Protein backbone atom coordinates (compact mmCIF):
# COMPACT_ATOMS: atom_id res chain seq x y z
CA MET A 1 8.74 -18.96 38.16
CA ARG A 2 11.05 -21.71 37.15
CA PRO A 3 14.18 -20.94 35.11
CA SER A 4 12.82 -22.81 32.16
CA LYS A 5 9.85 -20.55 32.13
CA TYR A 6 12.06 -17.35 31.96
CA ILE A 7 13.98 -18.97 28.97
CA PHE A 8 10.77 -19.68 27.20
CA ILE A 9 9.30 -16.23 27.76
CA SER A 10 12.59 -14.66 26.61
CA GLY A 11 12.56 -16.81 23.53
CA PHE A 12 9.03 -15.58 22.61
CA LEU A 13 10.03 -11.85 23.18
CA LEU A 14 13.18 -12.32 21.10
CA ALA A 15 11.07 -14.06 18.35
CA GLY A 16 8.65 -11.18 18.47
CA LEU A 17 11.39 -8.54 18.10
CA LEU A 18 12.94 -10.52 15.23
CA VAL A 19 9.64 -10.66 13.39
CA ALA A 20 8.96 -6.99 13.96
CA PHE A 21 12.16 -5.44 13.17
CA THR A 22 14.42 -7.73 11.01
CA PRO A 23 14.62 -6.34 7.47
CA LEU A 24 13.06 -8.84 5.09
CA PRO A 25 14.90 -9.79 1.80
CA VAL A 26 13.07 -8.25 -1.01
CA PRO A 27 13.84 -9.54 -4.52
CA ARG A 28 15.25 -6.81 -6.62
CA ASN A 29 14.09 -6.52 -10.24
CA GLU A 30 15.30 -4.24 -12.83
CA PRO A 31 13.13 -0.98 -12.84
CA MET A 32 10.24 -1.21 -15.44
CA HIS A 33 8.03 1.27 -17.06
CA HIS A 34 4.38 0.63 -16.23
CA ILE A 35 1.52 2.34 -17.91
CA PHE A 36 -1.86 2.33 -16.12
CA HIS A 37 -5.14 3.48 -17.77
CA VAL A 38 -7.24 4.80 -14.94
CA ASP A 39 -10.90 5.61 -15.64
CA SER A 40 -12.49 8.06 -13.33
CA ARG A 41 -16.36 8.27 -13.15
CA SER A 42 -19.12 8.42 -10.66
CA PHE A 43 -16.95 8.69 -7.55
CA ALA A 44 -14.71 5.76 -8.32
CA PHE A 45 -11.32 5.07 -10.00
CA THR A 46 -10.93 1.92 -12.20
CA PRO A 47 -8.67 0.34 -11.24
CA ALA A 48 -8.72 1.38 -7.65
CA GLU A 49 -5.41 -0.17 -6.73
CA ILE A 50 -2.10 0.03 -8.61
CA LYS A 51 0.91 -2.14 -7.65
CA VAL A 52 4.54 -1.47 -8.71
CA ASP A 53 8.09 -2.18 -7.46
CA ARG A 54 10.26 0.54 -5.91
CA GLY A 55 12.18 2.25 -8.68
CA ASP A 56 9.69 1.67 -11.49
CA LEU A 57 8.63 4.36 -13.82
CA VAL A 58 5.00 4.80 -13.52
CA THR A 59 2.75 6.59 -16.11
CA ILE A 60 -0.88 7.09 -15.17
CA GLU A 61 -3.30 7.86 -18.01
CA LEU A 62 -6.29 9.43 -16.43
CA THR A 63 -9.59 9.52 -18.33
CA SER A 64 -12.89 10.98 -17.19
CA SER A 65 -16.16 9.54 -18.46
CA ASP A 66 -18.66 11.98 -16.84
CA VAL A 67 -17.37 15.33 -15.36
CA VAL A 68 -14.08 16.94 -14.50
CA HIS A 69 -12.05 14.67 -12.19
CA GLY A 70 -8.49 14.94 -10.75
CA LEU A 71 -6.08 12.59 -9.22
CA TYR A 72 -3.74 13.64 -6.27
CA LEU A 73 -1.16 11.18 -5.08
CA ASP A 74 -0.52 11.51 -1.37
CA GLY A 75 3.10 11.16 -0.34
CA TYR A 76 4.37 12.11 -3.82
CA GLU A 77 2.40 15.42 -3.90
CA LEU A 78 1.55 14.90 -7.58
CA GLU A 79 -1.68 16.09 -9.29
CA ILE A 80 -3.30 15.62 -12.66
CA SER A 81 -6.78 16.42 -13.89
CA THR A 82 -8.85 15.67 -16.91
CA ASP A 83 -12.12 16.95 -18.75
CA PRO A 84 -14.80 14.55 -19.88
CA GLY A 85 -13.75 12.39 -22.71
CA GLN A 86 -10.12 13.51 -22.47
CA THR A 87 -6.96 11.75 -21.29
CA ASN A 88 -4.13 13.25 -19.42
CA GLN A 89 -0.82 11.71 -18.29
CA LEU A 90 1.26 11.78 -15.12
CA THR A 91 4.62 10.03 -15.18
CA PHE A 92 6.91 9.71 -12.13
CA THR A 93 9.42 7.29 -10.51
CA ALA A 94 8.06 5.15 -7.65
CA ASP A 95 10.95 5.90 -5.36
CA ARG A 96 9.22 5.43 -2.00
CA ALA A 97 8.17 2.10 -0.69
CA GLY A 98 4.78 1.82 1.02
CA SER A 99 1.03 2.31 0.50
CA PHE A 100 -0.09 5.72 -0.82
CA ARG A 101 -3.62 7.05 -1.18
CA PHE A 102 -4.75 8.78 -4.39
CA ARG A 103 -7.95 10.78 -4.49
CA CYS A 104 -9.98 12.99 -6.68
CA SER A 105 -8.65 16.58 -6.47
CA VAL A 106 -11.58 18.28 -8.12
CA THR A 107 -14.91 18.49 -6.39
CA CYS A 108 -17.12 16.20 -8.51
CA GLY A 109 -20.24 15.68 -6.41
CA ASP A 110 -21.75 14.56 -3.16
CA LEU A 111 -19.65 11.42 -2.83
CA HIS A 112 -16.35 13.17 -3.94
CA PRO A 113 -14.60 12.57 -0.47
CA PHE A 114 -14.97 8.82 -1.01
CA MET A 115 -13.36 8.78 -4.51
CA ILE A 116 -10.00 7.17 -3.42
CA GLY A 117 -7.58 4.45 -4.67
CA LYS A 118 -4.24 3.08 -3.52
CA LEU A 119 -0.81 2.94 -4.95
CA GLN A 120 1.33 0.00 -3.41
CA VAL A 121 5.04 0.38 -3.95
CA GLY A 122 6.84 -2.83 -3.13
CA PRO A 123 5.46 -5.68 -1.08
CA ASN A 124 3.13 -5.07 1.84
CA LEU A 125 5.60 -5.89 4.53
CA LEU A 126 3.42 -4.59 7.27
CA LEU A 127 0.87 -7.36 6.54
CA TRP A 128 3.53 -10.11 6.82
CA ARG A 129 4.88 -8.74 10.09
CA GLY A 130 1.46 -8.46 11.48
CA ALA A 131 0.70 -12.11 10.47
CA GLY A 132 4.02 -13.23 12.05
CA LEU A 133 3.20 -11.39 15.41
CA ALA A 134 -0.37 -12.89 15.35
CA ILE A 135 1.16 -16.34 15.03
CA LEU A 136 3.57 -15.82 17.83
CA ALA A 137 0.71 -14.40 20.03
CA ALA A 138 -1.44 -17.52 19.34
CA LEU A 139 1.53 -19.76 20.22
CA ALA A 140 2.01 -17.84 23.40
CA GLY A 141 -1.75 -18.15 24.31
CA VAL A 142 -1.64 -21.96 23.58
CA TRP A 143 1.55 -22.28 25.88
CA LYS A 144 -0.19 -20.25 28.65
CA PHE A 145 -3.43 -22.25 28.36
CA HIS A 146 -1.43 -25.50 28.83
CA GLN A 147 0.24 -24.25 31.99
């Protein structure tokens, strides 16, 4: 290998490490209070995805339209349940960044295990890091192809 080849490969490796591990600047907003009305029925939550910023106060108002349903928030270990036609509230501070699954915590029928949703706290940094690494891999492939 020529010395310039070593420098080029080292540059790709360094760029990959920077993309993978450099903290990304996240704009900091003042914490807000968000209220989400979540309807649970027939093995689905509506809305199925909730997005907030880290530090926000979150209130989930859970309503059931058909049978008794519950909502358990993984990672926060919080739970709420509600009877048909009733609304119950769960309030918490979104103090952990990342994606967290919420699921029905009351067996409600055959498709109960598939009744899930997602709480996204902060931006999805894993997506952007993956995209950056994919671009670097594509550039390395093009460079290798032209060798």
